[in-house]
Amino acid sequence: MSHSHKTLEERIARSISMLKEDLNTVRAGRANPALLDKVMVDYYGCPTPLKNLSNISVPDPRTLMITPFDAKSIGDIEKGINIADIGITPTNDGKVIRLVIPALTEERRKELTKTTKKMGEDAKIAIRNLRRDVNDHLKKAQKDGELTEDDLKKELDKVQKTTDKAVKDIDDIVAAKDKEILEV
C-alpha cells in the first residue's frame, strides 16, 4: 500500500471518529453519558473534565446520575453543567446530581436529524477534500516519473474505493444516530 493511501485511511479514520464524537453530543431522548463529555468544571480554579471528578451512571433510560468523588465539588459540577448549556437543568440532593432527559417533541426530533445530516455532510466534504489532496499528490508523483501510468490508475482506483467506503460508513453512522433520535 502506498504511503499516501495509508495516510488517507488514517485521516479518514480520524474524520469518522470526530463525526462520532460530534454526534454523541446531539441529545436523543435517552440518557447517554457521552452528553457530558465536553462538560468542564472549575475545580479549585482549574478547568477539569466532569468525568475526572465524578462517576456518571444511567439508573434508568431517562436519567443521568452524577456522583462527585469529592462531595464539596457538587456546586462547581452543577455550575459546569449549566455553563455547558446541554439544555437540561441539573438537580441535586446534596450527594448526587440528576439530569432528567426530557422526551423530545416531534419538531425537535426533526431539527436534530437536520443537525446530524449536516454533520454527516461536513464529514463527507472533509473526506472528499482528502481524496482530492491524495489524488493531486499521486498525479504529481506520476508526472515526476515516480509512478507509471498503470500504477497511477491503480492508486486512483484504490483511493476512490476507500473514499466510497468512508462515505457509506458516514451514512450508516448518521442513520444509526437518526434512528436513536426518532425512537420514542
N, C-alpha and C. Protein backbone atom coordinates (compact mmCIF):
# COMPACT_ATOMS: atom_id res chain seq x y z
N MET A 1 0.85 -1.19 0.00
CA MET A 1 0.00 0.00 0.00
C MET A 1 0.89 1.24 0.00
N SER A 2 0.55 2.19 -0.84
CA SER A 2 1.40 3.37 -0.94
C SER A 2 1.26 4.22 0.32
N HIS A 3 2.26 5.02 0.55
CA HIS A 3 2.29 5.90 1.72
C HIS A 3 1.06 6.81 1.74
N SER A 4 0.74 7.39 0.57
CA SER A 4 -0.37 8.36 0.55
C SER A 4 -1.72 7.67 0.83
N HIS A 5 -1.85 6.41 0.39
CA HIS A 5 -3.10 5.70 0.64
C HIS A 5 -3.26 5.38 2.12
N LYS A 6 -2.16 5.00 2.75
CA LYS A 6 -2.17 4.71 4.18
C LYS A 6 -2.55 5.98 4.96
N THR A 7 -1.94 7.10 4.57
CA THR A 7 -2.25 8.38 5.21
C THR A 7 -3.73 8.71 5.02
N LEU A 8 -4.24 8.46 3.82
CA LEU A 8 -5.65 8.73 3.54
C LEU A 8 -6.53 7.93 4.50
N GLU A 9 -6.24 6.65 4.66
CA GLU A 9 -7.04 5.82 5.55
C GLU A 9 -6.99 6.31 6.99
N GLU A 10 -5.80 6.73 7.43
CA GLU A 10 -5.67 7.25 8.80
C GLU A 10 -6.48 8.54 8.96
N ARG A 11 -6.38 9.41 7.96
CA ARG A 11 -7.10 10.68 8.06
C ARG A 11 -8.61 10.47 7.97
N ILE A 12 -9.04 9.50 7.19
CA ILE A 12 -10.47 9.18 7.11
C ILE A 12 -10.94 8.65 8.46
N ALA A 13 -10.15 7.75 9.05
CA ALA A 13 -10.50 7.19 10.36
C ALA A 13 -10.66 8.32 11.39
N ARG A 14 -9.74 9.32 11.32
CA ARG A 14 -9.84 10.46 12.24
C ARG A 14 -11.11 11.26 12.01
N SER A 15 -11.45 11.50 10.73
CA SER A 15 -12.67 12.25 10.41
C SER A 15 -13.90 11.53 10.94
N ILE A 16 -13.92 10.21 10.75
CA ILE A 16 -15.09 9.43 11.18
C ILE A 16 -15.19 9.42 12.70
N SER A 17 -14.05 9.34 13.35
CA SER A 17 -14.06 9.34 14.81
C SER A 17 -14.52 10.70 15.34
N MET A 18 -14.13 11.80 14.68
CA MET A 18 -14.60 13.13 15.07
C MET A 18 -16.11 13.25 14.86
N LEU A 19 -16.60 12.69 13.75
CA LEU A 19 -18.04 12.72 13.48
C LEU A 19 -18.79 12.01 14.61
N LYS A 20 -18.29 10.84 15.01
CA LYS A 20 -18.94 10.09 16.09
C LYS A 20 -18.98 10.90 17.37
N GLU A 21 -17.86 11.58 17.68
CA GLU A 21 -17.82 12.42 18.88
C GLU A 21 -18.85 13.55 18.78
N ASP A 22 -18.92 14.19 17.62
CA ASP A 22 -19.88 15.27 17.43
C ASP A 22 -21.31 14.75 17.59
N LEU A 23 -21.58 13.60 16.98
CA LEU A 23 -22.93 13.03 17.06
C LEU A 23 -23.30 12.67 18.50
N ASN A 24 -22.31 12.26 19.28
CA ASN A 24 -22.57 11.92 20.68
C ASN A 24 -23.11 13.10 21.48
N THR A 25 -22.75 14.31 21.06
CA THR A 25 -23.21 15.48 21.80
C THR A 25 -24.63 15.89 21.37
N VAL A 26 -25.16 15.24 20.35
CA VAL A 26 -26.54 15.52 19.93
C VAL A 26 -27.46 14.66 20.80
N ARG A 27 -28.31 15.33 21.53
CA ARG A 27 -29.12 14.64 22.52
C ARG A 27 -30.31 13.93 21.90
N ALA A 28 -30.38 12.63 22.12
CA ALA A 28 -31.58 11.89 21.73
C ALA A 28 -32.48 11.82 22.96
N GLY A 29 -33.54 11.06 22.91
CA GLY A 29 -34.48 11.02 24.03
C GLY A 29 -33.99 10.19 25.20
N ARG A 30 -32.95 9.39 24.99
CA ARG A 30 -32.49 8.54 26.09
C ARG A 30 -31.21 9.08 26.70
N ALA A 31 -30.97 8.69 27.95
CA ALA A 31 -29.80 9.17 28.68
C ALA A 31 -28.53 8.53 28.12
N ASN A 32 -27.57 9.38 27.75
CA ASN A 32 -26.30 8.89 27.24
C ASN A 32 -25.19 9.69 27.92
N PRO A 33 -24.33 9.01 28.70
CA PRO A 33 -23.26 9.72 29.42
C PRO A 33 -22.38 10.58 28.50
N ALA A 34 -22.29 10.22 27.21
CA ALA A 34 -21.46 10.99 26.27
C ALA A 34 -21.94 12.44 26.17
N LEU A 35 -23.19 12.67 26.54
CA LEU A 35 -23.75 14.01 26.55
C LEU A 35 -22.90 14.95 27.41
N LEU A 36 -22.24 14.37 28.42
CA LEU A 36 -21.47 15.18 29.37
C LEU A 36 -19.98 15.21 29.04
N ASP A 37 -19.58 14.60 27.92
CA ASP A 37 -18.17 14.51 27.56
C ASP A 37 -17.46 15.85 27.51
N LYS A 38 -18.14 16.88 27.06
CA LYS A 38 -17.47 18.16 26.88
C LYS A 38 -17.66 19.11 28.08
N VAL A 39 -18.31 18.61 29.15
CA VAL A 39 -18.54 19.47 30.32
C VAL A 39 -17.25 19.63 31.12
N MET A 40 -16.88 20.90 31.33
CA MET A 40 -15.69 21.21 32.12
C MET A 40 -16.14 21.85 33.44
N VAL A 41 -15.45 21.51 34.52
CA VAL A 41 -15.80 22.04 35.84
C VAL A 41 -14.61 22.83 36.37
N ASP A 42 -14.91 23.99 36.95
CA ASP A 42 -13.87 24.79 37.57
C ASP A 42 -13.61 24.17 38.95
N TYR A 43 -12.61 23.32 39.04
CA TYR A 43 -12.32 22.60 40.28
C TYR A 43 -11.09 23.21 40.93
N TYR A 44 -11.30 23.92 42.05
CA TYR A 44 -10.23 24.66 42.72
C TYR A 44 -9.45 25.51 41.72
N GLY A 45 -10.19 26.24 40.89
CA GLY A 45 -9.58 27.18 39.94
C GLY A 45 -8.96 26.52 38.72
N CYS A 46 -9.17 25.21 38.56
CA CYS A 46 -8.56 24.51 37.43
C CYS A 46 -9.65 23.85 36.58
N PRO A 47 -9.77 24.22 35.30
CA PRO A 47 -10.81 23.60 34.45
C PRO A 47 -10.53 22.10 34.30
N THR A 48 -11.47 21.29 34.74
CA THR A 48 -11.28 19.84 34.77
C THR A 48 -12.47 19.15 34.11
N PRO A 49 -12.23 18.13 33.29
CA PRO A 49 -13.38 17.40 32.69
C PRO A 49 -14.24 16.78 33.79
N LEU A 50 -15.55 16.90 33.63
CA LEU A 50 -16.51 16.36 34.60
C LEU A 50 -16.23 14.89 34.90
N LYS A 51 -15.90 14.12 33.84
CA LYS A 51 -15.74 12.67 34.05
C LYS A 51 -14.53 12.34 34.93
N ASN A 52 -13.62 13.31 35.15
CA ASN A 52 -12.48 13.08 36.05
C ASN A 52 -12.85 13.37 37.50
N LEU A 53 -14.02 13.98 37.71
CA LEU A 53 -14.41 14.41 39.06
C LEU A 53 -15.58 13.61 39.62
N SER A 54 -16.15 12.74 38.80
CA SER A 54 -17.37 12.08 39.25
C SER A 54 -17.58 10.75 38.55
N ASN A 55 -18.49 10.00 39.12
CA ASN A 55 -18.93 8.77 38.48
C ASN A 55 -20.26 9.10 37.80
N ILE A 56 -20.38 8.75 36.53
CA ILE A 56 -21.61 9.05 35.79
C ILE A 56 -22.32 7.74 35.50
N SER A 57 -23.55 7.62 35.96
CA SER A 57 -24.29 6.38 35.72
C SER A 57 -25.65 6.67 35.11
N VAL A 58 -26.30 5.61 34.64
CA VAL A 58 -27.61 5.74 33.99
C VAL A 58 -28.58 4.81 34.75
N PRO A 59 -29.17 5.32 35.85
CA PRO A 59 -30.06 4.47 36.66
C PRO A 59 -31.32 4.04 35.91
N ASP A 60 -31.76 4.84 34.95
CA ASP A 60 -32.88 4.44 34.09
C ASP A 60 -32.72 5.13 32.75
N PRO A 61 -33.46 4.71 31.71
CA PRO A 61 -33.21 5.22 30.35
C PRO A 61 -33.34 6.73 30.19
N ARG A 62 -33.96 7.40 31.16
CA ARG A 62 -34.19 8.85 31.05
C ARG A 62 -33.34 9.68 31.99
N THR A 63 -32.50 9.03 32.81
CA THR A 63 -31.78 9.77 33.85
C THR A 63 -30.28 9.53 33.81
N LEU A 64 -29.54 10.63 33.95
CA LEU A 64 -28.10 10.54 34.18
C LEU A 64 -27.86 10.92 35.63
N MET A 65 -27.06 10.11 36.33
CA MET A 65 -26.76 10.41 37.72
C MET A 65 -25.26 10.65 37.85
N ILE A 66 -24.92 11.79 38.45
CA ILE A 66 -23.52 12.18 38.60
C ILE A 66 -23.19 12.15 40.08
N THR A 67 -22.26 11.28 40.44
CA THR A 67 -21.84 11.17 41.84
C THR A 67 -20.42 11.72 41.96
N PRO A 68 -20.28 12.92 42.57
CA PRO A 68 -18.95 13.53 42.69
C PRO A 68 -18.05 12.69 43.60
N PHE A 69 -16.77 12.58 43.24
CA PHE A 69 -15.79 11.90 44.10
C PHE A 69 -15.57 12.73 45.35
N ASP A 70 -15.63 14.06 45.20
CA ASP A 70 -15.44 14.98 46.31
C ASP A 70 -16.77 15.70 46.52
N ALA A 71 -17.44 15.40 47.66
CA ALA A 71 -18.79 15.94 47.92
C ALA A 71 -18.80 17.47 47.86
N LYS A 72 -17.67 18.12 48.22
CA LYS A 72 -17.62 19.58 48.22
C LYS A 72 -17.71 20.17 46.81
N SER A 73 -17.46 19.35 45.79
CA SER A 73 -17.43 19.90 44.43
C SER A 73 -18.81 19.91 43.77
N ILE A 74 -19.84 19.48 44.48
CA ILE A 74 -21.16 19.33 43.84
C ILE A 74 -21.67 20.64 43.22
N GLY A 75 -21.47 21.76 43.92
CA GLY A 75 -21.90 23.06 43.40
C GLY A 75 -21.15 23.44 42.13
N ASP A 76 -19.83 23.20 42.14
CA ASP A 76 -19.00 23.52 40.97
C ASP A 76 -19.41 22.66 39.78
N ILE A 77 -19.70 21.40 40.06
CA ILE A 77 -20.12 20.48 38.99
C ILE A 77 -21.43 20.96 38.37
N GLU A 78 -22.37 21.33 39.24
CA GLU A 78 -23.66 21.81 38.76
C GLU A 78 -23.47 23.06 37.88
N LYS A 79 -22.60 23.96 38.35
CA LYS A 79 -22.32 25.16 37.59
C LYS A 79 -21.72 24.82 36.22
N GLY A 80 -20.78 23.85 36.20
CA GLY A 80 -20.16 23.42 34.94
C GLY A 80 -21.18 22.89 33.95
N ILE A 81 -22.15 22.13 34.47
CA ILE A 81 -23.20 21.58 33.60
C ILE A 81 -24.06 22.71 33.04
N ASN A 82 -24.41 23.67 33.90
CA ASN A 82 -25.22 24.81 33.43
C ASN A 82 -24.48 25.63 32.38
N ILE A 83 -23.18 25.84 32.58
CA ILE A 83 -22.38 26.62 31.64
C ILE A 83 -22.28 25.88 30.30
N ALA A 84 -22.17 24.54 30.36
CA ALA A 84 -22.03 23.74 29.13
C ALA A 84 -23.28 23.82 28.27
N ASP A 85 -24.39 24.27 28.88
CA ASP A 85 -25.61 24.54 28.12
C ASP A 85 -26.06 23.33 27.30
N ILE A 86 -26.24 22.19 27.95
CA ILE A 86 -26.68 21.00 27.23
C ILE A 86 -28.21 20.94 27.16
N GLY A 87 -28.84 21.97 27.70
CA GLY A 87 -30.30 22.06 27.56
C GLY A 87 -31.08 21.27 28.60
N ILE A 88 -30.40 20.84 29.67
CA ILE A 88 -31.09 20.12 30.73
C ILE A 88 -30.64 20.72 32.05
N THR A 89 -31.61 21.04 32.91
CA THR A 89 -31.26 21.64 34.19
C THR A 89 -30.96 20.56 35.21
N PRO A 90 -29.78 20.62 35.82
CA PRO A 90 -29.44 19.62 36.83
C PRO A 90 -30.16 19.87 38.16
N THR A 91 -30.45 18.80 38.89
CA THR A 91 -30.97 18.94 40.25
C THR A 91 -30.04 18.15 41.15
N ASN A 92 -29.89 18.59 42.41
CA ASN A 92 -29.04 17.80 43.29
C ASN A 92 -29.66 17.68 44.67
N ASP A 93 -29.36 16.56 45.34
CA ASP A 93 -29.91 16.32 46.68
C ASP A 93 -28.81 16.43 47.72
N GLY A 94 -27.72 17.12 47.35
CA GLY A 94 -26.61 17.29 48.28
C GLY A 94 -25.56 16.19 48.13
N LYS A 95 -25.94 15.04 47.53
CA LYS A 95 -24.99 13.95 47.34
C LYS A 95 -24.75 13.65 45.87
N VAL A 96 -25.83 13.62 45.12
CA VAL A 96 -25.71 13.33 43.69
C VAL A 96 -26.45 14.39 42.89
N ILE A 97 -26.06 14.51 41.62
CA ILE A 97 -26.74 15.41 40.69
C ILE A 97 -27.49 14.53 39.71
N ARG A 98 -28.73 14.89 39.44
CA ARG A 98 -29.50 14.13 38.46
C ARG A 98 -29.85 15.03 37.28
N LEU A 99 -29.78 14.43 36.09
CA LEU A 99 -30.24 15.11 34.89
C LEU A 99 -31.33 14.24 34.31
N VAL A 100 -32.54 14.77 34.26
CA VAL A 100 -33.65 14.02 33.68
C VAL A 100 -33.81 14.47 32.24
N ILE A 101 -33.66 13.52 31.33
CA ILE A 101 -33.71 13.83 29.91
C ILE A 101 -35.17 13.95 29.49
N PRO A 102 -35.58 15.15 29.06
CA PRO A 102 -36.98 15.30 28.64
C PRO A 102 -37.25 14.55 27.34
N ALA A 103 -38.48 14.10 27.20
CA ALA A 103 -38.86 13.45 25.94
C ALA A 103 -38.78 14.51 24.85
N LEU A 104 -38.42 14.10 23.65
CA LEU A 104 -38.29 15.05 22.55
C LEU A 104 -39.62 15.21 21.84
N THR A 105 -39.91 16.45 21.46
CA THR A 105 -41.10 16.67 20.64
C THR A 105 -40.78 16.23 19.21
N GLU A 106 -41.81 15.99 18.45
CA GLU A 106 -41.66 15.59 17.05
C GLU A 106 -40.81 16.64 16.30
N GLU A 107 -41.14 17.91 16.57
CA GLU A 107 -40.45 19.01 15.89
C GLU A 107 -38.96 19.02 16.23
N ARG A 108 -38.66 18.81 17.53
CA ARG A 108 -37.28 18.80 17.99
C ARG A 108 -36.52 17.63 17.36
N ARG A 109 -37.19 16.48 17.23
CA ARG A 109 -36.54 15.32 16.60
C ARG A 109 -36.14 15.65 15.17
N LYS A 110 -37.06 16.29 14.44
CA LYS A 110 -36.77 16.65 13.04
C LYS A 110 -35.60 17.62 12.97
N GLU A 111 -35.59 18.59 13.90
CA GLU A 111 -34.49 19.55 13.95
C GLU A 111 -33.16 18.83 14.17
N LEU A 112 -33.16 17.88 15.11
CA LEU A 112 -31.94 17.16 15.44
C LEU A 112 -31.46 16.31 14.26
N THR A 113 -32.38 15.71 13.52
CA THR A 113 -31.94 14.90 12.37
C THR A 113 -31.36 15.82 11.29
N LYS A 114 -31.82 17.06 11.22
CA LYS A 114 -31.20 18.02 10.29
C LYS A 114 -29.76 18.29 10.72
N THR A 115 -29.56 18.43 12.03
CA THR A 115 -28.23 18.66 12.57
C THR A 115 -27.30 17.49 12.26
N THR A 116 -27.78 16.27 12.48
CA THR A 116 -26.93 15.10 12.24
C THR A 116 -26.61 14.98 10.75
N LYS A 117 -27.60 15.30 9.92
CA LYS A 117 -27.38 15.22 8.47
C LYS A 117 -26.28 16.20 8.05
N LYS A 118 -26.33 17.40 8.63
CA LYS A 118 -25.30 18.40 8.31
C LYS A 118 -23.92 17.92 8.79
N MET A 119 -23.87 17.34 9.99
CA MET A 119 -22.59 16.81 10.50
C MET A 119 -22.04 15.75 9.55
N GLY A 120 -22.94 14.89 9.05
CA GLY A 120 -22.55 13.86 8.10
C GLY A 120 -22.04 14.47 6.80
N GLU A 121 -22.75 15.48 6.31
CA GLU A 121 -22.33 16.16 5.07
C GLU A 121 -20.95 16.78 5.24
N ASP A 122 -20.74 17.44 6.40
CA ASP A 122 -19.44 18.07 6.66
C ASP A 122 -18.33 17.02 6.65
N ALA A 123 -18.61 15.87 7.24
CA ALA A 123 -17.60 14.80 7.28
C ALA A 123 -17.31 14.30 5.87
N LYS A 124 -18.35 14.20 5.05
CA LYS A 124 -18.15 13.74 3.66
C LYS A 124 -17.33 14.75 2.87
N ILE A 125 -17.60 16.03 3.09
CA ILE A 125 -16.84 17.07 2.39
C ILE A 125 -15.37 16.95 2.78
N ALA A 126 -15.11 16.75 4.08
CA ALA A 126 -13.73 16.61 4.56
C ALA A 126 -13.05 15.43 3.87
N ILE A 127 -13.78 14.34 3.73
CA ILE A 127 -13.21 13.14 3.12
C ILE A 127 -12.98 13.34 1.62
N ARG A 128 -13.89 14.04 0.97
CA ARG A 128 -13.69 14.31 -0.47
C ARG A 128 -12.49 15.24 -0.68
N ASN A 129 -12.28 16.17 0.27
CA ASN A 129 -11.10 17.03 0.19
C ASN A 129 -9.82 16.23 0.37
N LEU A 130 -9.86 15.26 1.28
CA LEU A 130 -8.70 14.37 1.47
C LEU A 130 -8.42 13.61 0.18
N ARG A 131 -9.51 13.09 -0.43
CA ARG A 131 -9.35 12.34 -1.69
C ARG A 131 -8.66 13.22 -2.74
N ARG A 132 -9.14 14.46 -2.86
CA ARG A 132 -8.56 15.37 -3.85
C ARG A 132 -7.08 15.60 -3.58
N ASP A 133 -6.72 15.83 -2.32
CA ASP A 133 -5.31 16.05 -1.96
C ASP A 133 -4.45 14.85 -2.35
N VAL A 134 -4.93 13.65 -2.00
CA VAL A 134 -4.15 12.44 -2.30
C VAL A 134 -4.04 12.25 -3.81
N ASN A 135 -5.15 12.45 -4.52
CA ASN A 135 -5.12 12.31 -5.98
C ASN A 135 -4.15 13.29 -6.62
N ASP A 136 -4.16 14.53 -6.14
CA ASP A 136 -3.23 15.54 -6.67
C ASP A 136 -1.79 15.09 -6.44
N HIS A 137 -1.54 14.58 -5.25
CA HIS A 137 -0.22 14.09 -4.88
C HIS A 137 0.22 12.94 -5.81
N LEU A 138 -0.72 12.02 -6.06
CA LEU A 138 -0.42 10.87 -6.93
C LEU A 138 -0.14 11.33 -8.37
N LYS A 139 -0.95 12.27 -8.86
CA LYS A 139 -0.77 12.75 -10.23
C LYS A 139 0.58 13.46 -10.38
N LYS A 140 0.96 14.19 -9.34
CA LYS A 140 2.26 14.86 -9.36
C LYS A 140 3.38 13.81 -9.38
N ALA A 141 3.22 12.78 -8.55
CA ALA A 141 4.23 11.70 -8.49
C ALA A 141 4.39 11.06 -9.87
N GLN A 142 3.24 10.87 -10.56
CA GLN A 142 3.29 10.27 -11.90
C GLN A 142 3.99 11.22 -12.87
N LYS A 143 3.68 12.49 -12.77
CA LYS A 143 4.30 13.50 -13.64
C LYS A 143 5.81 13.56 -13.40
N ASP A 144 6.22 13.38 -12.12
CA ASP A 144 7.64 13.42 -11.78
C ASP A 144 8.35 12.10 -12.05
N GLY A 145 7.62 11.15 -12.65
CA GLY A 145 8.22 9.88 -13.01
C GLY A 145 8.37 8.88 -11.86
N GLU A 146 7.70 9.17 -10.71
CA GLU A 146 7.78 8.24 -9.58
C GLU A 146 6.76 7.11 -9.71
N LEU A 147 5.75 7.33 -10.54
CA LEU A 147 4.70 6.32 -10.75
C LEU A 147 4.49 6.12 -12.24
N THR A 148 4.22 4.89 -12.66
CA THR A 148 3.85 4.66 -14.05
C THR A 148 2.38 5.03 -14.23
N GLU A 149 1.97 5.17 -15.47
CA GLU A 149 0.57 5.46 -15.79
C GLU A 149 -0.34 4.38 -15.17
N ASP A 150 0.09 3.12 -15.30
CA ASP A 150 -0.68 2.00 -14.75
C ASP A 150 -0.81 2.08 -13.23
N ASP A 151 0.34 2.36 -12.58
CA ASP A 151 0.33 2.47 -11.11
C ASP A 151 -0.59 3.59 -10.68
N LEU A 152 -0.53 4.70 -11.40
CA LEU A 152 -1.38 5.84 -11.08
C LEU A 152 -2.84 5.42 -11.13
N LYS A 153 -3.21 4.73 -12.21
CA LYS A 153 -4.60 4.27 -12.36
C LYS A 153 -5.01 3.41 -11.17
N LYS A 154 -4.14 2.44 -10.81
CA LYS A 154 -4.43 1.54 -9.68
C LYS A 154 -4.60 2.31 -8.38
N GLU A 155 -3.69 3.24 -8.14
CA GLU A 155 -3.74 4.03 -6.90
C GLU A 155 -5.00 4.90 -6.84
N LEU A 156 -5.31 5.56 -7.97
CA LEU A 156 -6.50 6.42 -8.00
C LEU A 156 -7.76 5.57 -7.74
N ASP A 157 -7.75 4.36 -8.29
CA ASP A 157 -8.87 3.45 -8.10
C ASP A 157 -9.00 3.06 -6.62
N LYS A 158 -7.86 2.76 -5.99
CA LYS A 158 -7.85 2.41 -4.56
C LYS A 158 -8.39 3.58 -3.72
N VAL A 159 -7.93 4.78 -4.05
CA VAL A 159 -8.37 5.97 -3.33
C VAL A 159 -9.88 6.13 -3.45
N GLN A 160 -10.40 5.92 -4.68
CA GLN A 160 -11.84 6.06 -4.89
C GLN A 160 -12.62 5.03 -4.07
N LYS A 161 -12.13 3.79 -4.06
CA LYS A 161 -12.81 2.73 -3.29
C LYS A 161 -12.81 3.05 -1.80
N THR A 162 -11.68 3.53 -1.31
CA THR A 162 -11.56 3.90 0.11
C THR A 162 -12.53 5.04 0.43
N THR A 163 -12.60 6.02 -0.47
CA THR A 163 -13.50 7.15 -0.27
C THR A 163 -14.95 6.70 -0.28
N ASP A 164 -15.31 5.84 -1.24
CA ASP A 164 -16.69 5.35 -1.32
C ASP A 164 -17.09 4.62 -0.03
N LYS A 165 -16.17 3.79 0.48
CA LYS A 165 -16.45 3.05 1.71
C LYS A 165 -16.65 4.02 2.87
N ALA A 166 -15.80 5.04 2.94
CA ALA A 166 -15.90 6.03 4.03
C ALA A 166 -17.24 6.76 3.97
N VAL A 167 -17.66 7.14 2.77
CA VAL A 167 -18.94 7.85 2.61
C VAL A 167 -20.10 6.94 3.05
N LYS A 168 -20.01 5.66 2.70
CA LYS A 168 -21.05 4.72 3.12
C LYS A 168 -21.04 4.56 4.65
N ASP A 169 -19.85 4.48 5.25
CA ASP A 169 -19.75 4.38 6.70
C ASP A 169 -20.39 5.59 7.37
N ILE A 170 -20.13 6.77 6.84
CA ILE A 170 -20.71 8.00 7.38
C ILE A 170 -22.23 7.93 7.31
N ASP A 171 -22.75 7.51 6.16
CA ASP A 171 -24.21 7.40 6.02
C ASP A 171 -24.79 6.45 7.06
N ASP A 172 -24.10 5.32 7.28
CA ASP A 172 -24.58 4.33 8.25
C ASP A 172 -24.55 4.90 9.67
N ILE A 173 -23.48 5.60 10.02
CA ILE A 173 -23.34 6.17 11.36
C ILE A 173 -24.45 7.21 11.61
N VAL A 174 -24.67 8.08 10.62
CA VAL A 174 -25.71 9.11 10.76
C VAL A 174 -27.09 8.46 10.83
N ALA A 175 -27.32 7.43 10.02
CA ALA A 175 -28.62 6.74 10.04
C ALA A 175 -28.88 6.11 11.40
N ALA A 176 -27.84 5.53 12.01
CA ALA A 176 -27.99 4.91 13.33
C ALA A 176 -28.34 5.97 14.37
N LYS A 177 -27.69 7.13 14.28
CA LYS A 177 -27.96 8.22 15.22
C LYS A 177 -29.39 8.72 15.03
N ASP A 178 -29.82 8.85 13.76
CA ASP A 178 -31.18 9.32 13.50
C ASP A 178 -32.21 8.35 14.05
N LYS A 179 -31.91 7.08 13.93
CA LYS A 179 -32.82 6.05 14.46
C LYS A 179 -32.97 6.24 15.98
N GLU A 180 -31.84 6.51 16.64
CA GLU A 180 -31.85 6.75 18.09
C GLU A 180 -32.68 7.99 18.42
N ILE A 181 -32.53 9.05 17.60
CA ILE A 181 -33.26 10.30 17.84
C ILE A 181 -34.76 10.10 17.64
N LEU A 182 -35.12 9.32 16.61
CA LEU A 182 -36.53 9.18 16.25
C LEU A 182 -37.25 8.14 17.09
N GLU A 183 -36.46 7.37 17.84
CA GLU A 183 -37.01 6.34 18.72
C GLU A 183 -37.82 7.01 19.82
N VAL A 184 -39.05 6.59 20.00
CA VAL A 184 -39.87 7.23 21.04
C VAL A 184 -39.74 6.47 22.35
